[in-house]
Structure formats: structure tokens, C-alpha cells
Amino acid sequence: MTAPSISRSIYAPAEQIFAAFSDAERLARWWGPAGFTNTFEICEFDSGGRWVYMMHGPDGKSYPNESVFREIAPNQKVVIEHIALPKYTLTITLSECDGVTTVTWEQVFENQAFAVRMRDFLETANGQNLDRLTAEVLC
């Protein structure tokens, strides 16, 4: 089941936005909803590369994550398969026009019941993630 997709226009070229994904240090700074931080164990930003990390929530809990970068098209697309629970595929597309890039974020969950139950949280969290990406790119 697909979670609601979300788009954001960022007043920066696609190359600048893609750089916030491809640099592990930068990715660790902005990835996740508001209040979360990250510790990366492995971040092989390449098609087929592994991404193993711990998200640290504002509630003091840590959340283990493991993903695979399924597809990377520089300045255009990043496809991430989250292989730990909850399993999903996240497709992030970048579409630039006149120096403004639209970032579209679409998640497809393996477990439909989970996606339905978490819909409101996912909408909010994905919006916060794009807020953090925007701040990282424009800083």
C-alpha cells in the first residue's frame, strides 16, 4: 500500500539537493522526522549499497534501521528499500525547472494494515523530513 506521496519545491538546483543525500555526514544531519538524530554504521550510497543506521528519537529511544539503495540516478532519483520492519520502498524523485527542484517522496509499504494505521503519522513525519532536507540544502 502506498502512503500518501508528498512533494516540496526547494529553491535550489537538483545537484545541491542530491548532494544532501550522497554525503553521509549531511544525510545523517537531516534524515528523519523533527527531533530525531542518526548514527550511521554503514552508508554505501551506490546502487545496491547497504545503509545500516540507528535513529535516536526525541523520546530517548533508539530505532534500528536497515535499507538498501536500490537505484541511484544522480540529480534525479533515489530508491531505498527498507528491509527491516516495517518493510517499504521509498522513491524520491528530483525534478528541476529554472533552479527550483520539486522533491517527490513516495513510500510503498509491504504491510497494508500498517500503512493504513500509520497514515497520519507518516504524512507528518515525511513532511518534517522534507522540512529538514530543505533546511540542510538552504543553510
Protein backbone atom coordinates (compact mmCIF):
# COMPACT_ATOMS: atom_id res chain seq x y z
CA MET A 1 0.00 0.00 0.00
CA THR A 2 1.22 3.43 -0.83
CA ALA A 3 1.44 6.03 1.90
CA PRO A 4 0.35 9.47 0.74
CA SER A 5 3.03 10.90 -1.51
CA ILE A 6 4.32 14.33 -0.67
CA SER A 7 6.11 16.93 -2.77
CA ARG A 8 8.09 20.01 -1.90
CA SER A 9 9.57 22.73 -4.08
CA ILE A 10 13.03 23.73 -2.94
CA TYR A 11 14.64 26.85 -4.37
CA ALA A 12 17.88 25.12 -5.28
CA PRO A 13 19.19 23.10 -8.20
CA ALA A 14 18.75 19.31 -8.14
CA GLU A 15 22.52 18.89 -7.83
CA GLN A 16 22.51 20.67 -4.44
CA ILE A 17 19.64 18.56 -3.16
CA PHE A 18 21.21 15.32 -4.40
CA ALA A 19 24.42 16.28 -2.56
CA ALA A 20 22.46 16.26 0.72
CA PHE A 21 21.70 12.57 0.05
CA SER A 22 25.07 11.47 -1.30
CA ASP A 23 27.17 12.86 1.57
CA ALA A 24 26.64 10.54 4.57
CA GLU A 25 27.51 13.27 7.09
CA ARG A 26 24.89 15.59 5.65
CA LEU A 27 22.32 12.79 5.31
CA ALA A 28 22.77 11.92 8.99
CA ARG A 29 22.03 15.55 9.94
CA TRP A 30 18.65 15.83 8.25
CA TRP A 31 17.23 12.30 7.84
CA GLY A 32 14.08 11.56 9.81
CA PRO A 33 11.25 13.47 11.45
CA ALA A 34 11.75 16.53 13.66
CA GLY A 35 13.74 15.82 16.81
CA PHE A 36 15.44 12.66 15.52
CA THR A 37 19.20 12.17 15.18
CA ASN A 38 21.11 9.40 13.45
CA THR A 39 24.17 7.26 13.92
CA PHE A 40 25.27 5.54 10.70
CA GLU A 41 27.09 2.23 10.87
CA ILE A 42 27.17 1.69 7.08
CA CYS A 43 26.17 4.11 4.34
CA GLU A 44 27.17 2.79 0.92
CA PHE A 45 25.46 5.38 -1.29
CA ASP A 46 25.56 3.40 -4.51
CA SER A 47 23.01 1.22 -6.33
CA GLY A 48 22.89 -2.00 -4.31
CA GLY A 49 24.69 -0.39 -1.36
CA ARG A 50 23.73 -1.09 2.24
CA TRP A 51 22.55 1.51 4.72
CA VAL A 52 22.54 0.48 8.37
CA TYR A 53 21.82 3.11 11.00
CA MET A 54 20.21 3.89 14.32
CA MET A 55 17.62 6.64 14.61
CA HIS A 56 17.51 8.27 18.02
CA GLY A 57 14.10 9.67 18.85
CA PRO A 58 13.20 12.67 20.96
CA ASP A 59 11.61 10.15 23.34
CA GLY A 60 15.11 8.84 24.19
CA LYS A 61 14.55 5.53 22.37
CA SER A 62 16.74 4.23 19.57
CA TYR A 63 15.29 2.64 16.45
CA PRO A 64 17.44 0.29 14.34
CA ASN A 65 17.09 0.62 10.56
CA GLU A 66 18.48 -1.29 7.61
CA SER A 67 17.98 -0.42 3.99
CA VAL A 68 19.43 -1.00 0.54
CA PHE A 69 19.88 1.76 -2.03
CA ARG A 70 18.10 0.03 -4.94
CA GLU A 71 18.54 2.75 -7.54
CA ILE A 72 20.50 5.95 -7.67
CA ALA A 73 20.25 8.28 -10.65
CA PRO A 74 22.37 11.35 -9.82
CA ASN A 75 20.31 14.54 -9.51
CA GLN A 76 17.13 12.64 -10.48
CA LYS A 77 16.14 9.73 -8.26
CA VAL A 78 16.96 7.70 -5.15
CA VAL A 79 15.11 4.44 -4.45
CA ILE A 80 15.53 2.98 -0.97
CA GLU A 81 14.25 -0.43 0.10
CA HIS A 82 13.80 -0.53 3.88
CA ILE A 83 14.49 -4.21 4.61
CA ALA A 84 13.93 -4.02 8.39
CA LEU A 85 10.39 -3.80 9.70
CA PRO A 86 8.31 -2.02 8.60
CA LYS A 87 9.28 -3.04 5.08
CA TYR A 88 8.73 -0.44 2.39
CA THR A 89 10.21 1.06 -0.74
CA LEU A 90 10.77 4.81 -0.79
CA THR A 91 11.15 6.51 -4.16
CA ILE A 92 12.46 10.05 -4.08
CA THR A 93 12.44 11.96 -7.36
CA LEU A 94 14.01 15.32 -8.15
CA SER A 95 12.61 17.42 -10.97
CA GLU A 96 14.31 20.76 -11.64
CA CYS A 97 12.93 23.71 -13.57
CA ASP A 98 14.65 27.12 -13.62
CA GLY A 99 16.68 26.42 -10.49
CA VAL A 100 13.70 25.22 -8.44
CA THR A 101 13.57 21.50 -7.69
CA THR A 102 10.43 19.58 -6.83
CA VAL A 103 11.22 16.71 -4.49
CA THR A 104 8.58 13.96 -4.52
CA TRP A 105 8.57 11.36 -1.76
CA GLU A 106 6.54 8.16 -2.24
CA GLN A 107 6.51 5.16 0.10
CA VAL A 108 5.01 1.78 -0.74
CA PHE A 109 4.59 -0.48 2.29
CA GLU A 110 4.60 -4.27 2.26
CA ASN A 111 2.04 -4.36 5.09
CA GLN A 112 -1.14 -2.57 4.06
CA ALA A 113 -2.65 -2.62 7.57
CA PHE A 114 0.45 -0.88 8.95
CA ALA A 115 0.30 1.80 6.24
CA VAL A 116 -3.37 2.50 6.93
CA ARG A 117 -2.86 2.59 10.71
CA MET A 118 0.18 4.89 10.42
CA ARG A 119 -1.13 7.16 7.66
CA ASP A 120 -1.42 10.35 9.75
CA PHE A 121 1.97 9.80 11.38
CA LEU A 122 3.60 9.11 8.00
CA GLU A 123 2.16 12.27 6.44
CA THR A 124 3.50 14.36 9.31
CA ALA A 125 6.88 12.58 9.53
CA ASN A 126 7.51 12.75 5.78
CA GLY A 127 6.67 16.46 5.76
CA GLN A 128 9.09 17.03 8.64
CA ASN A 129 11.75 15.06 6.79
CA LEU A 130 11.34 17.33 3.77
CA ASP A 131 11.45 20.38 6.08
CA ARG A 132 14.80 19.15 7.39
CA LEU A 133 16.09 18.44 3.87
CA THR A 134 15.10 21.96 2.80
CA ALA A 135 16.91 23.48 5.79
CA GLU A 136 20.03 21.39 5.05
CA VAL A 137 20.09 22.44 1.40
CA LEU A 138 19.46 26.12 2.06
CA CYS A 139 21.83 26.57 5.01
